[in-house]
Amino acid sequence: MSKRKIKSYSLEFKQSSAKLAVESVQTISKTARELGVHEATLHGWVRRYYPEKKAVDSAVTTAEVQEELKRLRKELTRVKQERDILKKAAACVPQAQNNMGGNLY
């Protein structure tokens, strides 16, 4: 079996990476990928060097979630209205065919 090579990072790299993760609006996993370190490693550095701050685990803020919810509710209302219009139109088509005595096409 081959042994895993353990990467060693300088103190300055660890601290600057943790600072970037705390101050960035992107997720820790994305920051970790960009830095070339494992996500759990970066979480550990954040806990060690910035215990009073929480890193952004999600790039989505509460305001963004509320805005998306509002947009989706509006879209749902519109889609329901479109569905109801299509139902009514579909109900009228057979009546129109009967009145015309045949095919609409």
N, C-alpha and C. Protein backbone atom coordinates (compact mmCIF):
# COMPACT_ATOMS: atom_id res chain seq x y z
N MET A 1 0.83 -1.19 0.00
CA MET A 1 0.00 0.00 0.00
C MET A 1 0.87 1.24 0.00
N SER A 2 0.35 2.25 -0.66
CA SER A 2 1.08 3.51 -0.67
C SER A 2 0.51 4.43 0.41
N LYS A 3 1.38 5.18 1.00
CA LYS A 3 0.96 6.12 2.03
C LYS A 3 0.47 7.41 1.38
N ARG A 4 -0.53 8.00 2.00
CA ARG A 4 -1.02 9.28 1.53
C ARG A 4 -0.01 10.35 1.91
N LYS A 5 0.19 11.25 0.99
CA LYS A 5 1.08 12.37 1.28
C LYS A 5 0.27 13.47 1.96
N ILE A 6 0.70 13.86 3.13
CA ILE A 6 0.01 14.90 3.88
C ILE A 6 0.56 16.25 3.44
N LYS A 7 -0.35 17.10 3.01
CA LYS A 7 0.06 18.43 2.58
C LYS A 7 0.28 19.31 3.79
N SER A 8 1.29 20.13 3.70
CA SER A 8 1.59 21.06 4.78
C SER A 8 1.45 22.48 4.24
N TYR A 9 0.69 23.29 4.96
CA TYR A 9 0.46 24.66 4.53
C TYR A 9 1.07 25.61 5.54
N SER A 10 1.55 26.74 5.05
CA SER A 10 2.15 27.73 5.94
C SER A 10 1.06 28.39 6.78
N LEU A 11 1.46 28.92 7.92
CA LEU A 11 0.54 29.61 8.81
C LEU A 11 -0.11 30.79 8.08
N GLU A 12 0.69 31.51 7.32
CA GLU A 12 0.17 32.66 6.57
C GLU A 12 -0.91 32.23 5.57
N PHE A 13 -0.69 31.12 4.88
CA PHE A 13 -1.68 30.62 3.92
C PHE A 13 -2.96 30.22 4.63
N LYS A 14 -2.83 29.55 5.76
CA LYS A 14 -4.02 29.11 6.52
C LYS A 14 -4.84 30.31 6.97
N GLN A 15 -4.14 31.30 7.53
CA GLN A 15 -4.85 32.48 8.04
C GLN A 15 -5.50 33.29 6.92
N SER A 16 -4.78 33.48 5.83
CA SER A 16 -5.35 34.26 4.72
C SER A 16 -6.50 33.50 4.06
N SER A 17 -6.41 32.18 4.00
CA SER A 17 -7.50 31.38 3.43
C SER A 17 -8.74 31.46 4.31
N ALA A 18 -8.55 31.38 5.62
CA ALA A 18 -9.66 31.48 6.56
C ALA A 18 -10.30 32.86 6.47
N LYS A 19 -9.48 33.88 6.36
CA LYS A 19 -9.99 35.25 6.24
C LYS A 19 -10.81 35.40 4.96
N LEU A 20 -10.30 34.85 3.87
CA LEU A 20 -11.02 34.90 2.60
C LEU A 20 -12.37 34.19 2.71
N ALA A 21 -12.40 33.04 3.36
CA ALA A 21 -13.64 32.29 3.52
C ALA A 21 -14.66 33.05 4.36
N VAL A 22 -14.19 33.73 5.38
CA VAL A 22 -15.09 34.48 6.27
C VAL A 22 -15.63 35.73 5.58
N GLU A 23 -14.79 36.40 4.82
CA GLU A 23 -15.19 37.67 4.22
C GLU A 23 -15.86 37.51 2.85
N SER A 24 -15.72 36.36 2.24
CA SER A 24 -16.27 36.13 0.91
C SER A 24 -17.77 35.85 0.98
N VAL A 25 -18.46 36.14 -0.10
CA VAL A 25 -19.89 35.84 -0.18
C VAL A 25 -20.14 34.47 -0.80
N GLN A 26 -19.09 33.86 -1.31
CA GLN A 26 -19.26 32.53 -1.90
C GLN A 26 -19.13 31.45 -0.84
N THR A 27 -19.54 30.25 -1.17
CA THR A 27 -19.53 29.15 -0.21
C THR A 27 -18.11 28.74 0.12
N ILE A 28 -17.97 28.08 1.28
CA ILE A 28 -16.66 27.59 1.68
C ILE A 28 -16.17 26.53 0.70
N SER A 29 -17.07 25.69 0.24
CA SER A 29 -16.65 24.64 -0.69
C SER A 29 -16.09 25.24 -1.97
N LYS A 30 -16.70 26.30 -2.48
CA LYS A 30 -16.18 26.94 -3.69
C LYS A 30 -14.84 27.61 -3.41
N THR A 31 -14.74 28.29 -2.28
CA THR A 31 -13.48 28.92 -1.90
C THR A 31 -12.39 27.86 -1.76
N ALA A 32 -12.71 26.75 -1.12
CA ALA A 32 -11.74 25.67 -0.93
C ALA A 32 -11.28 25.11 -2.27
N ARG A 33 -12.21 24.89 -3.19
CA ARG A 33 -11.84 24.39 -4.53
C ARG A 33 -10.89 25.36 -5.22
N GLU A 34 -11.21 26.65 -5.13
CA GLU A 34 -10.37 27.65 -5.78
C GLU A 34 -8.97 27.71 -5.16
N LEU A 35 -8.89 27.44 -3.88
CA LEU A 35 -7.59 27.45 -3.19
C LEU A 35 -6.85 26.12 -3.31
N GLY A 36 -7.57 25.08 -3.71
CA GLY A 36 -6.94 23.77 -3.85
C GLY A 36 -6.79 23.03 -2.54
N VAL A 37 -7.70 23.30 -1.60
CA VAL A 37 -7.67 22.59 -0.31
C VAL A 37 -9.02 21.90 -0.10
N HIS A 38 -9.04 20.93 0.79
CA HIS A 38 -10.28 20.23 1.08
C HIS A 38 -11.20 21.14 1.89
N GLU A 39 -12.50 21.00 1.65
CA GLU A 39 -13.49 21.83 2.33
C GLU A 39 -13.40 21.72 3.85
N ALA A 40 -13.22 20.50 4.36
CA ALA A 40 -13.13 20.30 5.81
C ALA A 40 -11.90 20.99 6.39
N THR A 41 -10.84 21.01 5.62
CA THR A 41 -9.61 21.68 6.06
C THR A 41 -9.86 23.17 6.23
N LEU A 42 -10.52 23.76 5.24
CA LEU A 42 -10.81 25.19 5.31
C LEU A 42 -11.77 25.50 6.45
N HIS A 43 -12.77 24.64 6.68
CA HIS A 43 -13.67 24.83 7.82
C HIS A 43 -12.88 24.83 9.13
N GLY A 44 -11.93 23.94 9.25
CA GLY A 44 -11.10 23.87 10.45
C GLY A 44 -10.29 25.14 10.66
N TRP A 45 -9.73 25.65 9.59
CA TRP A 45 -8.96 26.89 9.70
C TRP A 45 -9.85 28.06 10.11
N VAL A 46 -11.06 28.12 9.58
CA VAL A 46 -11.99 29.19 9.94
C VAL A 46 -12.32 29.10 11.43
N ARG A 47 -12.62 27.88 11.90
CA ARG A 47 -12.92 27.71 13.33
C ARG A 47 -11.73 28.08 14.21
N ARG A 48 -10.54 27.79 13.74
CA ARG A 48 -9.34 28.07 14.55
C ARG A 48 -9.01 29.55 14.57
N TYR A 49 -9.01 30.20 13.43
CA TYR A 49 -8.53 31.58 13.36
C TYR A 49 -9.63 32.63 13.47
N TYR A 50 -10.88 32.25 13.26
CA TYR A 50 -12.00 33.18 13.36
C TYR A 50 -13.15 32.54 14.14
N PRO A 51 -12.92 32.18 15.40
CA PRO A 51 -13.98 31.49 16.15
C PRO A 51 -15.21 32.36 16.39
N GLU A 52 -15.04 33.67 16.38
CA GLU A 52 -16.17 34.55 16.66
C GLU A 52 -17.02 34.82 15.41
N LYS A 53 -16.50 34.47 14.25
CA LYS A 53 -17.23 34.72 13.01
C LYS A 53 -17.67 33.41 12.38
N LYS A 54 -18.76 33.48 11.68
CA LYS A 54 -19.26 32.33 10.94
C LYS A 54 -18.95 32.57 9.46
N ALA A 55 -18.41 31.58 8.84
CA ALA A 55 -18.18 31.66 7.40
C ALA A 55 -19.51 31.49 6.69
N VAL A 56 -19.57 31.96 5.48
CA VAL A 56 -20.78 31.83 4.69
C VAL A 56 -20.84 30.39 4.18
N ASP A 57 -21.72 29.60 4.78
CA ASP A 57 -21.89 28.22 4.34
C ASP A 57 -22.74 28.15 3.10
N SER A 58 -23.50 29.17 2.88
CA SER A 58 -24.35 29.20 1.71
C SER A 58 -24.26 30.59 1.12
N ALA A 59 -24.17 30.65 -0.18
CA ALA A 59 -24.09 31.94 -0.84
C ALA A 59 -25.45 32.63 -0.87
N VAL A 60 -26.48 31.91 -0.47
CA VAL A 60 -27.84 32.45 -0.51
C VAL A 60 -28.16 33.09 0.85
N THR A 61 -28.52 34.35 0.82
CA THR A 61 -28.88 35.06 2.05
C THR A 61 -30.38 34.97 2.26
N THR A 62 -30.82 35.36 3.43
CA THR A 62 -32.24 35.34 3.75
C THR A 62 -33.01 36.26 2.80
N ALA A 63 -32.45 37.41 2.51
CA ALA A 63 -33.11 38.34 1.59
C ALA A 63 -33.27 37.73 0.21
N GLU A 64 -32.24 37.01 -0.25
CA GLU A 64 -32.33 36.37 -1.56
C GLU A 64 -33.38 35.27 -1.56
N VAL A 65 -33.47 34.54 -0.46
CA VAL A 65 -34.48 33.48 -0.35
C VAL A 65 -35.87 34.08 -0.38
N GLN A 66 -36.08 35.16 0.35
CA GLN A 66 -37.38 35.83 0.37
C GLN A 66 -37.75 36.36 -1.02
N GLU A 67 -36.77 36.93 -1.71
CA GLU A 67 -37.01 37.45 -3.05
C GLU A 67 -37.37 36.33 -4.02
N GLU A 68 -36.66 35.21 -3.92
CA GLU A 68 -36.96 34.05 -4.77
C GLU A 68 -38.34 33.49 -4.46
N LEU A 69 -38.70 33.42 -3.19
CA LEU A 69 -40.02 32.94 -2.79
C LEU A 69 -41.11 33.83 -3.37
N LYS A 70 -40.92 35.13 -3.28
CA LYS A 70 -41.88 36.09 -3.83
C LYS A 70 -42.03 35.90 -5.34
N ARG A 71 -40.90 35.73 -6.04
CA ARG A 71 -40.92 35.55 -7.48
C ARG A 71 -41.64 34.25 -7.85
N LEU A 72 -41.35 33.18 -7.11
CA LEU A 72 -41.97 31.89 -7.39
C LEU A 72 -43.47 31.89 -7.12
N ARG A 73 -43.89 32.59 -6.09
CA ARG A 73 -45.33 32.69 -5.81
C ARG A 73 -46.05 33.44 -6.93
N LYS A 74 -45.41 34.50 -7.42
CA LYS A 74 -45.98 35.27 -8.52
C LYS A 74 -46.09 34.39 -9.77
N GLU A 75 -45.03 33.64 -10.04
CA GLU A 75 -45.03 32.75 -11.20
C GLU A 75 -46.09 31.66 -11.06
N LEU A 76 -46.25 31.12 -9.85
CA LEU A 76 -47.27 30.10 -9.61
C LEU A 76 -48.66 30.64 -9.90
N THR A 77 -48.93 31.85 -9.46
CA THR A 77 -50.23 32.47 -9.71
C THR A 77 -50.47 32.61 -11.21
N ARG A 78 -49.45 33.07 -11.93
CA ARG A 78 -49.57 33.23 -13.38
C ARG A 78 -49.81 31.89 -14.07
N VAL A 79 -49.07 30.87 -13.67
CA VAL A 79 -49.21 29.55 -14.29
C VAL A 79 -50.58 28.95 -14.00
N LYS A 80 -51.10 29.16 -12.80
CA LYS A 80 -52.44 28.67 -12.48
C LYS A 80 -53.49 29.36 -13.35
N GLN A 81 -53.33 30.66 -13.57
CA GLN A 81 -54.25 31.40 -14.43
C GLN A 81 -54.19 30.87 -15.86
N GLU A 82 -52.98 30.62 -16.35
CA GLU A 82 -52.82 30.07 -17.70
C GLU A 82 -53.48 28.69 -17.80
N ARG A 83 -53.29 27.86 -16.78
CA ARG A 83 -53.90 26.53 -16.75
C ARG A 83 -55.42 26.63 -16.82
N ASP A 84 -55.98 27.53 -16.03
CA ASP A 84 -57.44 27.69 -16.00
C ASP A 84 -57.96 28.17 -17.36
N ILE A 85 -57.24 29.08 -18.00
CA ILE A 85 -57.64 29.56 -19.33
C ILE A 85 -57.61 28.41 -20.33
N LEU A 86 -56.56 27.60 -20.28
CA LEU A 86 -56.45 26.47 -21.20
C LEU A 86 -57.54 25.43 -20.96
N LYS A 87 -57.90 25.22 -19.69
CA LYS A 87 -58.98 24.29 -19.38
C LYS A 87 -60.29 24.77 -20.01
N LYS A 88 -60.56 26.06 -19.86
CA LYS A 88 -61.79 26.62 -20.42
C LYS A 88 -61.77 26.54 -21.94
N ALA A 89 -60.62 26.81 -22.53
CA ALA A 89 -60.50 26.75 -23.98
C ALA A 89 -60.68 25.31 -24.46
N ALA A 90 -60.13 24.36 -23.75
CA ALA A 90 -60.26 22.95 -24.13
C ALA A 90 -61.71 22.50 -24.02
N ALA A 91 -62.45 23.03 -23.07
CA ALA A 91 -63.85 22.69 -22.91
C ALA A 91 -64.69 23.29 -24.04
N CYS A 92 -64.26 24.42 -24.59
CA CYS A 92 -64.99 25.09 -25.67
C CYS A 92 -64.74 24.44 -27.02
N VAL A 93 -63.62 23.81 -27.23
CA VAL A 93 -63.27 23.23 -28.52
C VAL A 93 -64.28 22.18 -28.96
N PRO A 94 -64.65 21.21 -28.14
CA PRO A 94 -65.65 20.23 -28.59
C PRO A 94 -67.00 20.88 -28.93
N GLN A 95 -67.38 21.89 -28.18
CA GLN A 95 -68.64 22.59 -28.46
C GLN A 95 -68.56 23.29 -29.81
N ALA A 96 -67.42 23.90 -30.12
CA ALA A 96 -67.24 24.59 -31.39
C ALA A 96 -67.27 23.60 -32.54
N GLN A 97 -66.67 22.44 -32.35
CA GLN A 97 -66.69 21.40 -33.39
C GLN A 97 -68.10 20.93 -33.66
N ASN A 98 -68.86 20.74 -32.61
CA ASN A 98 -70.25 20.28 -32.78
C ASN A 98 -71.08 21.34 -33.51
N ASN A 99 -70.86 22.60 -33.15
CA ASN A 99 -71.62 23.68 -33.79
C ASN A 99 -71.27 23.86 -35.26
N MET A 100 -70.03 23.54 -35.63
CA MET A 100 -69.57 23.71 -37.01
C MET A 100 -69.84 22.46 -37.82
N GLY A 101 -70.21 21.40 -37.15
CA GLY A 101 -70.53 20.18 -37.84
C GLY A 101 -69.33 19.40 -38.31
N GLY A 102 -68.22 19.51 -37.64
CA GLY A 102 -67.07 18.71 -38.05
C GLY A 102 -65.78 19.17 -37.44
N ASN A 103 -64.76 19.04 -38.22
CA ASN A 103 -63.40 19.36 -37.76
C ASN A 103 -63.14 20.86 -37.79
N LEU A 104 -62.31 21.27 -36.87
CA LEU A 104 -61.84 22.66 -36.90
C LEU A 104 -60.70 22.81 -37.87
N TYR A 105 -60.07 21.74 -38.24
CA TYR A 105 -58.86 21.83 -39.06
C TYR A 105 -59.15 21.65 -40.49
